[in-house]
PDB file of N, CA and C in Angstrom:
ATOM      1  N   UNK A   1      35.778  40.290  72.647  1.00  0.00           N
ATOM      2  CA  UNK A   1      36.012  41.849  71.075  1.00  0.00           C
ATOM      3  C   UNK A   1      37.205  42.550  71.955  1.00  0.00           C
ATOM      4  N   UNK A   2      37.343  43.094  73.196  1.00  0.00           N
ATOM      5  CA  UNK A   2      38.235  44.082  73.749  1.00  0.00           C
ATOM      6  C   UNK A   2      39.932  43.516  73.744  1.00  0.00           C
ATOM      7  N   UNK A   3      40.168  41.492  72.937  1.00  0.00           N
ATOM      8  CA  UNK A   3      41.340  41.210  72.563  1.00  0.00           C
ATOM      9  C   UNK A   3      41.643  41.569  70.696  1.00  0.00           C
ATOM     10  N   UNK A   4      39.948  41.843  70.503  1.00  0.00           N
ATOM     11  CA  UNK A   4      40.106  42.674  68.951  1.00  0.00           C
ATOM     12  C   UNK A   4      40.047  43.998  69.121  1.00  0.00           C
ATOM     13  N   UNK A   5      40.013  44.716  69.303  1.00  0.00           N
ATOM     14  CA  UNK A   5      39.845  45.921  69.922  1.00  0.00           C
ATOM     15  C   UNK A   5      41.244  46.743  70.128  1.00  0.00           C
ATOM     16  N   UNK A   6      42.092  45.665  71.404  1.00  0.00           N
ATOM     17  CA  UNK A   6      43.641  46.788  71.576  1.00  0.00           C
ATOM     18  C   UNK A   6      44.042  45.962  70.546  1.00  0.00           C
ATOM     19  N   UNK A   7      43.684  45.032  69.284  1.00  0.00           N
ATOM     20  CA  UNK A   7      44.976  44.880  68.613  1.00  0.00           C
ATOM     21  C   UNK A   7      44.958  45.567  67.109  1.00  0.00           C
ATOM     22  N   UNK A   8      43.900  46.428  66.949  1.00  0.00           N
ATOM     23  CA  UNK A   8      43.235  46.905  66.173  1.00  0.00           C
ATOM     24  C   UNK A   8      42.485  46.696  64.833  1.00  0.00           C
ATOM     25  N   UNK A   9      41.803  45.720  65.232  1.00  0.00           N
ATOM     26  CA  UNK A   9      40.549  45.165  64.187  1.00  0.00           C
ATOM     27  C   UNK A   9      39.895  46.244  64.093  1.00  0.00           C
ATOM     28  N   UNK A  10      39.369  45.754  63.248  1.00  0.00           N
ATOM     29  CA  UNK A  10      37.686  46.432  63.065  1.00  0.00           C
ATOM     30  C   UNK A  10      36.479  45.573  63.475  1.00  0.00           C
ATOM     31  N   UNK A  11      35.682  46.531  64.101  1.00  0.00           N
ATOM     32  CA  UNK A  11      34.602  45.716  64.600  1.00  0.00           C
ATOM     33  C   UNK A  11      33.702  44.012  63.519  1.00  0.00           C
ATOM     34  N   UNK A  12      34.053  44.551  62.365  1.00  0.00           N
ATOM     35  CA  UNK A  12      33.673  43.653  61.619  1.00  0.00           C
ATOM     36  C   UNK A  12      34.248  41.757  61.572  1.00  0.00           C
ATOM     37  N   UNK A  13      35.667  42.686  61.973  1.00  0.00           N
ATOM     38  CA  UNK A  13      36.627  40.312  62.610  1.00  0.00           C
ATOM     39  C   UNK A  13      36.051  39.985  63.747  1.00  0.00           C
ATOM     40  N   UNK A  14      35.555  40.869  64.820  1.00  0.00           N
ATOM     41  CA  UNK A  14      34.995  40.132  66.099  1.00  0.00           C
ATOM     42  C   UNK A  14      33.574  39.141  65.793  1.00  0.00           C
ATOM     43  N   UNK A  15      32.611  40.371  65.039  1.00  0.00           N
ATOM     44  CA  UNK A  15      31.739  40.057  64.902  1.00  0.00           C
ATOM     45  C   UNK A  15      31.558  38.227  63.762  1.00  0.00           C
ATOM     46  N   UNK A  16      31.938  38.475  62.872  1.00  0.00           N
ATOM     47  CA  UNK A  16      32.535  36.982  61.940  1.00  0.00           C
ATOM     48  C   UNK A  16      33.527  36.006  63.284  1.00  0.00           C
ATOM     49  N   UNK A  17      33.683  36.979  64.106  1.00  0.00           N
ATOM     50  CA  UNK A  17      34.480  35.875  64.580  1.00  0.00           C
ATOM     51  C   UNK A  17      33.675  34.514  65.070  1.00  0.00           C
ATOM     52  N   UNK A  18      33.294  35.868  66.207  1.00  0.00           N
ATOM     53  CA  UNK A  18      32.269  35.314  66.761  1.00  0.00           C
ATOM     54  C   UNK A  18      30.734  34.303  66.979  1.00  0.00           C
ATOM     55  N   UNK A  19      30.673  34.786  65.571  1.00  0.00           N
ATOM     56  CA  UNK A  19      29.789  33.771  64.773  1.00  0.00           C
ATOM     57  C   UNK A  19      30.234  32.980  64.025  1.00  0.00           C
ATOM     58  N   UNK A  20      31.283  32.536  64.037  1.00  0.00           N
ATOM     59  CA  UNK A  20      31.885  31.137  63.362  1.00  0.00           C
ATOM     60  C   UNK A  20      32.123  30.266  64.639  1.00  0.00           C
ATOM     61  N   UNK A  21      32.550  31.148  65.792  1.00  0.00           N
ATOM     62  CA  UNK A  21      33.390  30.285  66.673  1.00  0.00           C
ATOM     63  C   UNK A  21      31.427  29.790  67.472  1.00  0.00           C
ATOM     64  N   UNK A  22      30.972  30.422  67.802  1.00  0.00           N
ATOM     65  CA  UNK A  22      29.944  30.139  68.712  1.00  0.00           C
ATOM     66  C   UNK A  22      28.730  29.729  67.903  1.00  0.00           C
ATOM     67  N   UNK A  23      28.258  30.191  66.323  1.00  0.00           N
ATOM     68  CA  UNK A  23      26.984  30.396  65.835  1.00  0.00           C
ATOM     69  C   UNK A  23      26.075  30.970  65.358  1.00  0.00           C
ATOM     70  N   UNK A  24      26.206  31.434  63.707  1.00  0.00           N
ATOM     71  CA  UNK A  24      25.013  32.440  63.769  1.00  0.00           C
ATOM     72  C   UNK A  24      23.952  32.813  64.771  1.00  0.00           C
ATOM     73  N   UNK A  25      24.202  34.107  64.537  1.00  0.00           N
ATOM     74  CA  UNK A  25      23.113  34.982  65.337  1.00  0.00           C
ATOM     75  C   UNK A  25      23.607  34.768  66.867  1.00  0.00           C
ATOM     76  N   UNK A  26      24.762  34.548  67.101  1.00  0.00           N
ATOM     77  CA  UNK A  26      25.584  34.915  68.284  1.00  0.00           C
ATOM     78  C   UNK A  26      25.478  36.070  68.537  1.00  0.00           C
ATOM     79  N   UNK A  27      25.574  37.250  67.661  1.00  0.00           N
ATOM     80  CA  UNK A  27      25.762  39.001  67.830  1.00  0.00           C
ATOM     81  C   UNK A  27      25.488  39.558  67.017  1.00  0.00           C
ATOM     82  N   UNK A  28      25.098  40.484  66.936  1.00  0.00           N
ATOM     83  CA  UNK A  28      24.790  41.489  66.357  1.00  0.00           C
ATOM     84  C   UNK A  28      25.985  42.081  65.775  1.00  0.00           C
ATOM     85  N   UNK A  29      26.137  42.595  64.444  1.00  0.00           N
ATOM     86  CA  UNK A  29      26.879  43.419  64.313  1.00  0.00           C
ATOM     87  C   UNK A  29      27.005  44.920  64.756  1.00  0.00           C
ATOM     88  N   UNK A  30      25.644  45.284  64.919  1.00  0.00           N
ATOM     89  CA  UNK A  30      25.402  46.716  65.453  1.00  0.00           C
ATOM     90  C   UNK A  30      25.924  46.284  67.166  1.00  0.00           C
ATOM     91  N   UNK A  31      25.566  45.229  67.807  1.00  0.00           N
ATOM     92  CA  UNK A  31      26.813  45.342  69.412  1.00  0.00           C
ATOM     93  C   UNK A  31      27.480  45.180  68.943  1.00  0.00           C
ATOM     94  N   UNK A  32      28.555  44.784  68.245  1.00  0.00           N
ATOM     95  CA  UNK A  32      29.852  44.891  68.435  1.00  0.00           C
ATOM     96  C   UNK A  32      30.482  46.057  67.883  1.00  0.00           C
ATOM     97  N   UNK A  33      29.424  46.548  67.501  1.00  0.00           N
ATOM     98  CA  UNK A  33      29.913  48.415  67.152  1.00  0.00           C
ATOM     99  C   UNK A  33      30.026  49.162  68.394  1.00  0.00           C
ATOM    100  N   UNK A  34      28.650  48.968  69.018  1.00  0.00           N
ATOM    101  CA  UNK A  34      28.427  49.154  70.431  1.00  0.00           C
ATOM    102  C   UNK A  34      29.685  49.280  71.502  1.00  0.00           C
ATOM    103  N   UNK A  35      29.555  47.787  71.425  1.00  0.00           N
ATOM    104  CA  UNK A  35      31.550  47.444  72.234  1.00  0.00           C
ATOM    105  C   UNK A  35      32.213  48.802  72.123  1.00  0.00           C
ATOM    106  N   UNK A  36      32.540  47.907  70.451  1.00  0.00           N
ATOM    107  CA  UNK A  36      34.040  48.941  70.078  1.00  0.00           C
ATOM    108  C   UNK A  36      33.716  50.796  70.149  1.00  0.00           C
ATOM    109  N   UNK A  37      32.509  51.272  70.683  1.00  0.00           N
ATOM    110  CA  UNK A  37      32.725  52.780  70.917  1.00  0.00           C
ATOM    111  C   UNK A  37      33.089  52.927  72.494  1.00  0.00           C
ATOM    112  N   UNK A  38      32.071  52.229  72.693  1.00  0.00           N
ATOM    113  CA  UNK A  38      32.565  51.989  74.445  1.00  0.00           C
ATOM    114  C   UNK A  38      34.440  51.785  75.004  1.00  0.00           C
ATOM    115  N   UNK A  39      34.797  50.955  74.449  1.00  0.00           N
ATOM    116  CA  UNK A  39      36.091  50.662  73.995  1.00  0.00           C
ATOM    117  C   UNK A  39      36.982  52.166  73.365  1.00  0.00           C
ATOM    118  N   UNK A  40      36.449  52.414  72.579  1.00  0.00           N
ATOM    119  CA  UNK A  40      36.917  54.003  72.259  1.00  0.00           C
ATOM    120  C   UNK A  40      37.423  55.225  73.119  1.00  0.00           C
ATOM    121  N   UNK A  41      35.712  54.583  74.095  1.00  0.00           N
ATOM    122  CA  UNK A  41      35.757  56.506  74.998  1.00  0.00           C
ATOM    123  C   UNK A  41      36.341  55.696  76.134  1.00  0.00           C
ATOM    124  N   UNK A  42      37.422  55.074  76.426  1.00  0.00           N
ATOM    125  CA  UNK A  42      37.666  54.761  76.985  1.00  0.00           C
ATOM    126  C   UNK A  42      37.396  53.776  78.240  1.00  0.00           C
ATOM    127  N   UNK A  43      36.408  52.876  77.874  1.00  0.00           N
ATOM    128  CA  UNK A  43      35.301  52.199  78.955  1.00  0.00           C
ATOM    129  C   UNK A  43      35.804  50.898  78.421  1.00  0.00           C
ATOM    130  N   UNK A  44      37.181  50.229  78.829  1.00  0.00           N
ATOM    131  CA  UNK A  44      37.162  49.298  78.576  1.00  0.00           C
ATOM    132  C   UNK A  44      36.236  47.648  79.241  1.00  0.00           C
ATOM    133  N   UNK A  45      35.777  48.544  80.413  1.00  0.00           N
ATOM    134  CA  UNK A  45      34.917  47.368  81.603  1.00  0.00           C
ATOM    135  C   UNK A  45      34.010  46.407  80.171  1.00  0.00           C
ATOM    136  N   UNK A  46      34.031  45.134  80.787  1.00  0.00           N
ATOM    137  CA  UNK A  46      32.974  43.845  80.628  1.00  0.00           C
ATOM    138  C   UNK A  46      31.970  43.947  80.794  1.00  0.00           C
ATOM    139  N   UNK A  47      31.848  44.507  81.668  1.00  0.00           N
ATOM    140  CA  UNK A  47      29.978  44.638  82.195  1.00  0.00           C
ATOM    141  C   UNK A  47      28.969  45.095  81.307  1.00  0.00           C
ATOM    142  N   UNK A  48      27.886  44.260  81.440  1.00  0.00           N
ATOM    143  CA  UNK A  48      26.755  45.390  80.645  1.00  0.00           C
ATOM    144  C   UNK A  48      27.062  46.377  80.877  1.00  0.00           C
ATOM    145  N   UNK A  49      25.847  47.972  80.651  1.00  0.00           N
ATOM    146  CA  UNK A  49      25.365  48.514  80.375  1.00  0.00           C
ATOM    147  C   UNK A  49      23.825  48.592  80.932  1.00  0.00           C
ATOM    148  N   UNK A  50      23.901  49.436  82.285  1.00  0.00           N
ATOM    149  CA  UNK A  50      22.224  49.020  82.822  1.00  0.00           C
ATOM    150  C   UNK A  50      21.933  47.565  82.787  1.00  0.00           C
ATOM    151  N   UNK A  51      20.907  47.372  82.515  1.00  0.00           N
ATOM    152  CA  UNK A  51      19.988  46.253  82.696  1.00  0.00           C
ATOM    153  C   UNK A  51      19.477  45.273  83.647  1.00  0.00           C
ATOM    154  N   UNK A  52      19.356  44.387  83.780  1.00  0.00           N
ATOM    155  CA  UNK A  52      19.013  43.752  85.149  1.00  0.00           C
ATOM    156  C   UNK A  52      20.157  43.268  85.216  1.00  0.00           C
ATOM    157  N   UNK A  53      20.352  42.817  87.292  1.00  0.00           N
ATOM    158  CA  UNK A  53      21.338  41.860  87.668  1.00  0.00           C
ATOM    159  C   UNK A  53      21.767  40.370  87.375  1.00  0.00           C
ATOM    160  N   UNK A  54      22.848  39.816  86.808  1.00  0.00           N
ATOM    161  CA  UNK A  54      22.834  38.707  86.692  1.00  0.00           C
ATOM    162  C   UNK A  54      22.761  37.978  88.080  1.00  0.00           C
ATOM    163  N   UNK A  55      22.343  36.347  87.807  1.00  0.00           N
ATOM    164  CA  UNK A  55      22.763  35.617  89.372  1.00  0.00           C
ATOM    165  C   UNK A  55      23.813  34.712  89.072  1.00  0.00           C
ATOM    166  N   UNK A  56      23.982  35.037  87.634  1.00  0.00           N
ATOM    167  CA  UNK A  56      25.053  33.624  86.391  1.00  0.00           C
ATOM    168  C   UNK A  56      26.347  33.543  87.727  1.00  0.00           C
ATOM    169  N   UNK A  57      26.435  32.675  87.595  1.00  0.00           N
ATOM    170  CA  UNK A  57      27.495  31.991  88.229  1.00  0.00           C
ATOM    171  C   UNK A  57      29.180  31.757  87.245  1.00  0.00           C
ATOM    172  N   UNK A  58      29.572  32.503  87.086  1.00  0.00           N
ATOM    173  CA  UNK A  58      30.430  32.748  85.965  1.00  0.00           C
ATOM    174  C   UNK A  58      31.317  31.036  85.902  1.00  0.00           C
ATOM    175  N   UNK A  59      31.898  31.192  87.285  1.00  0.00           N
ATOM    176  CA  UNK A  59      33.072  29.486  86.842  1.00  0.00           C
ATOM    177  C   UNK A  59      32.063  28.771  86.573  1.00  0.00           C
ATOM    178  N   UNK A  60      30.642  28.899  87.085  1.00  0.00           N
ATOM    179  CA  UNK A  60      30.098  27.523  86.596  1.00  0.00           C
ATOM    180  C   UNK A  60      29.686  27.266  84.953  1.00  0.00           C
ATOM    181  N   UNK A  61      29.584  28.350  84.739  1.00  0.00           N
ATOM    182  CA  UNK A  61      29.613  28.964  82.936  1.00  0.00           C
ATOM    183  C   UNK A  61      30.260  28.136  82.872  1.00  0.00           C
ATOM    184  N   UNK A  62      31.813  28.804  82.779  1.00  0.00           N
ATOM    185  CA  UNK A  62      33.051  28.112  82.402  1.00  0.00           C
ATOM    186  C   UNK A  62      33.503  26.674  82.336  1.00  0.00           C
ATOM    187  N   UNK A  63      33.348  26.014  83.902  1.00  0.00           N
ATOM    188  CA  UNK A  63      32.827  24.140  83.832  1.00  0.00           C
ATOM    189  C   UNK A  63      32.205  23.805  83.252  1.00  0.00           C
ATOM    190  N   UNK A  64      31.100  24.428  82.623  1.00  0.00           N
ATOM    191  CA  UNK A  64      30.207  24.038  81.805  1.00  0.00           C
ATOM    192  C   UNK A  64      30.623  23.970  80.469  1.00  0.00           C
ATOM    193  N   UNK A  65      31.168  24.582  80.280  1.00  0.00           N
ATOM    194  CA  UNK A  65      31.766  25.144  78.726  1.00  0.00           C
ATOM    195  C   UNK A  65      33.291  24.442  78.613  1.00  0.00           C
ATOM    196  N   UNK A  66      34.165  23.880  79.538  1.00  0.00           N
ATOM    197  CA  UNK A  66      35.104  23.207  80.038  1.00  0.00           C
ATOM    198  C   UNK A  66      34.611  21.723  79.688  1.00  0.00           C
ATOM    199  N   UNK A  67      33.520  21.327  80.203  1.00  0.00           N
ATOM    200  CA  UNK A  67      32.634  20.178  80.478  1.00  0.00           C
ATOM    201  C   UNK A  67      33.187  19.139  79.347  1.00  0.00           C
ATOM    202  N   UNK A  68      31.930  20.610  78.148  1.00  0.00           N
ATOM    203  CA  UNK A  68      31.010  19.708  76.694  1.00  0.00           C
ATOM    204  C   UNK A  68      30.965  21.202  75.813  1.00  0.00           C
ATOM    205  N   UNK A  69      32.529  21.453  75.310  1.00  0.00           N
ATOM    206  CA  UNK A  69      33.053  22.510  74.270  1.00  0.00           C
ATOM    207  C   UNK A  69      32.081  22.314  72.729  1.00  0.00           C
ATOM    208  N   UNK A  70      31.005  21.264  73.142  1.00  0.00           N
ATOM    209  CA  UNK A  70      30.058  20.682  71.637  1.00  0.00           C
ATOM    210  C   UNK A  70      28.823  21.854  72.181  1.00  0.00           C
ATOM    211  N   UNK A  71      28.953  22.410  73.279  1.00  0.00           N
ATOM    212  CA  UNK A  71      27.706  23.027  73.628  1.00  0.00           C
ATOM    213  C   UNK A  71      27.351  24.856  73.337  1.00  0.00           C
ATOM    214  N   UNK A  72      26.508  25.087  72.372  1.00  0.00           N
ATOM    215  CA  UNK A  72      26.220  26.170  71.893  1.00  0.00           C
ATOM    216  C   UNK A  72      25.702  27.229  72.979  1.00  0.00           C
ATOM    217  N   UNK A  73      26.511  28.399  72.807  1.00  0.00           N
ATOM    218  CA  UNK A  73      25.653  29.806  73.458  1.00  0.00           C
ATOM    219  C   UNK A  73      24.089  29.722  73.179  1.00  0.00           C
ATOM    220  N   UNK A  74      23.626  29.180  72.400  1.00  0.00           N
ATOM    221  CA  UNK A  74      21.578  29.318  72.828  1.00  0.00           C
ATOM    222  C   UNK A  74      21.520  28.337  73.518  1.00  0.00           C
ATOM    223  N   UNK A  75      22.138  27.142  73.775  1.00  0.00           N
ATOM    224  CA  UNK A  75      22.066  26.213  74.634  1.00  0.00           C
ATOM    225  C   UNK A  75      22.524  26.737  76.064  1.00  0.00           C
ATOM    226  N   UNK A  76      23.658  27.368  75.805  1.00  0.00           N
ATOM    227  CA  UNK A  76      24.024  27.386  77.591  1.00  0.00           C
ATOM    228  C   UNK A  76      23.173  28.811  77.614  1.00  0.00           C
ATOM    229  N   UNK A  77      23.062  29.977  77.173  1.00  0.00           N
ATOM    230  CA  UNK A  77      21.547  30.956  77.370  1.00  0.00           C
ATOM    231  C   UNK A  77      20.585  30.057  78.313  1.00  0.00           C
ATOM    232  N   UNK A  78      20.172  28.860  77.766  1.00  0.00           N
ATOM    233  CA  UNK A  78      18.875  28.601  77.766  1.00  0.00           C
ATOM    234  C   UNK A  78      19.152  28.096  79.166  1.00  0.00           C
ATOM    235  N   UNK A  79      20.156  27.574  79.492  1.00  0.00           N
ATOM    236  CA  UNK A  79      20.715  26.308  80.741  1.00  0.00           C
ATOM    237  C   UNK A  79      20.751  27.231  81.669  1.00  0.00           C
ATOM    238  N   UNK A  80      21.261  28.343  81.699  1.00  0.00           N
ATOM    239  CA  UNK A  80      21.463  29.348  82.825  1.00  0.00           C
ATOM    240  C   UNK A  80      20.667  30.387  82.904  1.00  0.00           C
ATOM    241  N   UNK A  81      19.684  30.874  82.159  1.00  0.00           N
ATOM    242  CA  UNK A  81      18.947  31.528  82.037  1.00  0.00           C
ATOM    243  C   UNK A  81      19.507  32.726  82.050  1.00  0.00           C
ATOM    244  N   UNK A  82      19.677  32.663  81.328  1.00  0.00           N
ATOM    245  CA  UNK A  82      20.433  33.994  80.530  1.00  0.00           C
ATOM    246  C   UNK A  82      20.635  34.290  79.505  1.00  0.00           C
ATOM    247  N   UNK A  83      20.763  35.903  78.718  1.00  0.00           N
ATOM    248  CA  UNK A  83      20.503  36.043  76.907  1.00  0.00           C
ATOM    249  C   UNK A  83      22.051  35.764  76.737  1.00  0.00           C
ATOM    250  N   UNK A  84      21.991  35.502  75.503  1.00  0.00           N
ATOM    251  CA  UNK A  84      22.887  34.675  74.543  1.00  0.00           C
ATOM    252  C   UNK A  84      23.580  35.291  74.559  1.00  0.00           C
ATOM    253  N   UNK A  85      23.414  37.050  74.938  1.00  0.00           N
ATOM    254  CA  UNK A  85      25.073  37.732  74.314  1.00  0.00           C
ATOM    255  C   UNK A  85      25.931  37.930  75.553  1.00  0.00           C
ATOM    256  N   UNK A  86      25.145  38.079  76.810  1.00  0.00           N
ATOM    257  CA  UNK A  86      26.097  37.338  78.024  1.00  0.00           C
ATOM    258  C   UNK A  86      27.397  36.068  77.789  1.00  0.00           C
ATOM    259  N   UNK A  87      26.771  35.105  77.860  1.00  0.00           N
ATOM    260  CA  UNK A  87      26.989  33.721  77.156  1.00  0.00           C
ATOM    261  C   UNK A  87      28.207  34.240  76.467  1.00  0.00           C
ATOM    262  N   UNK A  88      27.978  35.236  75.716  1.00  0.00           N
ATOM    263  CA  UNK A  88      29.026  35.175  74.465  1.00  0.00           C
ATOM    264  C   UNK A  88      30.545  36.214  74.949  1.00  0.00           C
ATOM    265  N   UNK A  89      29.743  36.978  75.921  1.00  0.00           N
ATOM    266  CA  UNK A  89      30.630  37.951  76.562  1.00  0.00           C
ATOM    267  C   UNK A  89      31.586  37.571  77.194  1.00  0.00           C
ATOM    268  N   UNK A  90      31.227  36.724  78.335  1.00  0.00           N
ATOM    269  CA  UNK A  90      31.540  36.147  79.421  1.00  0.00           C
ATOM    270  C   UNK A  90      33.126  35.075  78.698  1.00  0.00           C
ATOM    271  N   UNK A  91      32.361  33.963  77.905  1.00  0.00           N
ATOM    272  CA  UNK A  91      33.534  32.783  76.802  1.00  0.00           C
ATOM    273  C   UNK A  91      34.549  33.883  76.256  1.00  0.00           C
ATOM    274  N   UNK A  92      33.695  35.054  75.677  1.00  0.00           N
ATOM    275  CA  UNK A  92      34.854  35.581  74.922  1.00  0.00           C
ATOM    276  C   UNK A  92      35.764  36.221  75.667  1.00  0.00           C
ATOM    277  N   UNK A  93      35.446  36.390  76.722  1.00  0.00           N
ATOM    278  CA  UNK A  93      35.915  37.432  77.569  1.00  0.00           C
ATOM    279  C   UNK A  93      37.145  36.393  77.726  1.00  0.00           C
ATOM    280  N   UNK A  94      37.017  35.155  78.379  1.00  0.00           N
ATOM    281  CA  UNK A  94      37.561  34.549  79.545  1.00  0.00           C
ATOM    282  C   UNK A  94      38.894  33.936  78.325  1.00  0.00           C
ATOM    283  N   UNK A  95      38.049  33.576  76.865  1.00  0.00           N
ATOM    284  CA  UNK A  95      39.164  32.398  75.816  1.00  0.00           C
ATOM    285  C   UNK A  95      40.311  33.914  75.437  1.00  0.00           C
ATOM    286  N   UNK A  96      40.148  35.159  75.859  1.00  0.00           N
ATOM    287  CA  UNK A  96      41.036  36.339  75.356  1.00  0.00           C
ATOM    288  C   UNK A  96      42.119  36.612  76.627  1.00  0.00           C
ATOM    289  N   UNK A  97      41.558  36.207  77.654  1.00  0.00           N
ATOM    290  CA  UNK A  97      42.479  36.541  78.925  1.00  0.00           C
ATOM    291  C   UNK A  97      42.985  34.829  78.654  1.00  0.00           C
ATOM    292  N   UNK A  98      43.316  33.961  78.776  1.00  0.00           N
ATOM    293  CA  UNK A  98      43.699  32.701  78.404  1.00  0.00           C
ATOM    294  C   UNK A  98      44.647  32.432  76.936  1.00  0.00           C
ATOM    295  N   UNK A  99      44.542  33.277  76.215  1.00  0.00           N
ATOM    296  CA  UNK A  99      45.295  33.911  75.355  1.00  0.00           C
ATOM    297  C   UNK A  99      46.412  34.484  75.674  1.00  0.00           C
ATOM    298  N   UNK A 100      46.599  35.728  76.463  1.00  0.00           N
ATOM    299  CA  UNK A 100      47.247  36.686  77.107  1.00  0.00           C
ATOM    300  C   UNK A 100      48.414  36.069  77.437  1.00  0.00           C
TER     301      UNK A 100
END
């Protein structure tokens, strides 16, 4: 999402792209708009606000995706016992980093 924001895109574009890439229902448009509001306020951190701390091993997640690209975000969320939006955020930020 940060990639889209920095390119000047509207929130609807990453909403559509993420749902096409990772499956319908991956993220809601309202959530994307909240992220864009954070970015506009100068907070470009990709850390979730509040919530419970995650024991998710980011590298293990990225390794799993690399090993089997057919895994859906919903399945990954179940495998790693986290919310699907966490999977989307981490895989999206990794994809954007690789494009830069």
